[in-house]
C-alpha atoms as a PDB file:
ATOM      1  CA  MET A   1      54.256 249.231  45.534  1.00  0.00           C
ATOM      2  CA  ASP A   2      55.628 246.772  43.278  1.00  0.00           C
ATOM      3  CA  ASN A   3      58.210 243.739  43.731  1.00  0.00           C
ATOM      4  CA  LYS A   4      61.397 246.178  43.697  1.00  0.00           C
ATOM      5  CA  GLU A   5      59.767 248.788  45.817  1.00  0.00           C
ATOM      6  CA  LEU A   6      58.914 246.337  48.034  1.00  0.00           C
ATOM      7  CA  SER A   7      62.205 244.253  48.114  1.00  0.00           C
ATOM      8  CA  ASP A   8      64.440 247.381  48.261  1.00  0.00           C
ATOM      9  CA  LEU A   9      62.153 248.332  51.368  1.00  0.00           C
ATOM     10  CA  LEU A  10      62.490 245.102  53.419  1.00  0.00           C
ATOM     11  CA  HIS A  11      66.118 244.394  51.893  1.00  0.00           C
ATOM     12  CA  ILE A  12      64.996 241.127  50.341  1.00  0.00           C
ATOM     13  CA  SER A  13      65.169 239.538  47.022  1.00  0.00           C
ATOM     14  CA  GLN A  14      62.757 239.651  44.561  1.00  0.00           C
ATOM     15  CA  ARG A  15      63.329 235.620  45.016  1.00  0.00           C
ATOM     16  CA  SER A  16      61.891 235.559  48.361  1.00  0.00           C
ATOM     17  CA  LEU A  17      59.245 237.765  47.547  1.00  0.00           C
ATOM     18  CA  GLN A  18      57.651 235.123  45.082  1.00  0.00           C
ATOM     19  CA  ASP A  19      58.804 232.387  47.733  1.00  0.00           C
ATOM     20  CA  TYR A  20      56.314 234.602  50.184  1.00  0.00           C
ATOM     21  CA  ARG A  21      53.805 234.765  48.245  1.00  0.00           C
ATOM     22  CA  ASP A  22      53.787 231.007  46.985  1.00  0.00           C
ATOM     23  CA  HIS A  23      53.548 230.064  50.423  1.00  0.00           C
ATOM     24  CA  GLY A  24      50.778 232.273  51.240  1.00  0.00           C
ATOM     25  CA  LYS A  25      52.555 234.158  53.617  1.00  0.00           C
ATOM     26  CA  ILE A  26      52.319 238.055  52.058  1.00  0.00           C
ATOM     27  CA  PRO A  27      48.887 238.906  49.981  1.00  0.00           C
ATOM     28  CA  PHE A  28      49.194 240.505  46.384  1.00  0.00           C
ATOM     29  CA  TYR A  29      47.532 241.373  43.596  1.00  0.00           C
ATOM     30  CA  LYS A  30      47.796 240.358  40.159  1.00  0.00           C
ATOM     31  CA  LEU A  31      46.911 243.197  37.567  1.00  0.00           C
ATOM     32  CA  GLU A  32      47.950 242.339  33.546  1.00  0.00           C
ATOM     33  CA  GLY A  33      50.636 240.190  34.488  1.00  0.00           C
ATOM     34  CA  LYS A  34      52.268 242.861  37.286  1.00  0.00           C
ATOM     35  CA  ILE A  35      52.443 241.742  40.764  1.00  0.00           C
ATOM     36  CA  LEU A  36      51.119 244.722  43.314  1.00  0.00           C
ATOM     37  CA  TYR A  37      51.527 244.719  47.356  1.00  0.00           C
ATOM     38  CA  LYS A  38      49.136 247.200  49.625  1.00  0.00           C
ATOM     39  CA  GLN A  39      51.072 249.116  52.013  1.00  0.00           C
ATOM     40  CA  SER A  40      48.207 248.271  54.554  1.00  0.00           C
ATOM     41  CA  ASP A  41      49.179 244.382  53.595  1.00  0.00           C
ATOM     42  CA  ILE A  42      52.768 245.029  54.103  1.00  0.00           C
ATOM     43  CA  LEU A  43      52.437 246.644  57.791  1.00  0.00           C
ATOM     44  CA  LYS A  44      50.230 243.851  58.938  1.00  0.00           C
ATOM     45  CA  PHE A  45      52.542 240.770  57.743  1.00  0.00           C
ATOM     46  CA  LEU A  46      55.588 242.555  59.476  1.00  0.00           C
ATOM     47  CA  ALA A  47      53.305 243.454  62.733  1.00  0.00           C
ATOM     48  CA  ASP A  48      52.482 239.923  62.672  1.00  0.00           C
ATOM     49  CA  ASN A  49      56.206 238.678  62.226  1.00  0.00           C
ATOM     50  CA  TYR A  50      57.144 241.250  64.983  1.00  0.00           C
ATOM     51  CA  TYR A  51      59.536 239.493  68.110  1.00  0.00           C
ATOM     52  CA  ASP A  52      60.479 241.465  70.430  1.00  0.00           C
ATOM     53  CA  SER A  53      64.034 240.348  71.283  1.00  0.00           C
ATOM     54  CA  TRP A  54      64.295 242.272  74.374  1.00  0.00           C
ATOM     55  CA  LYS A  55      60.663 241.100  76.143  1.00  0.00           C
ATOM     56  CA  GLU A  56      61.248 239.053  79.308  1.00  0.00           C
ATOM     57  CA  GLU A  57      59.598 235.989  79.114  1.00  0.00           C
ATOM     58  CA  LYS A  58      57.124 234.621  82.332  1.00  0.00           C
END
């Protein structure tokens, strides 16, 4: 998926995606100047950053 597809999916700006890339938060490929993302990498990124707000603390 490309920048536009991912930014639309996550409801964030393309600039935010660039910040994520620059800080190593999200993996990407660069092919002939085009930035691409693997769906499995995005799903892992989302899972790793999930916080359940209703989960009781022990």
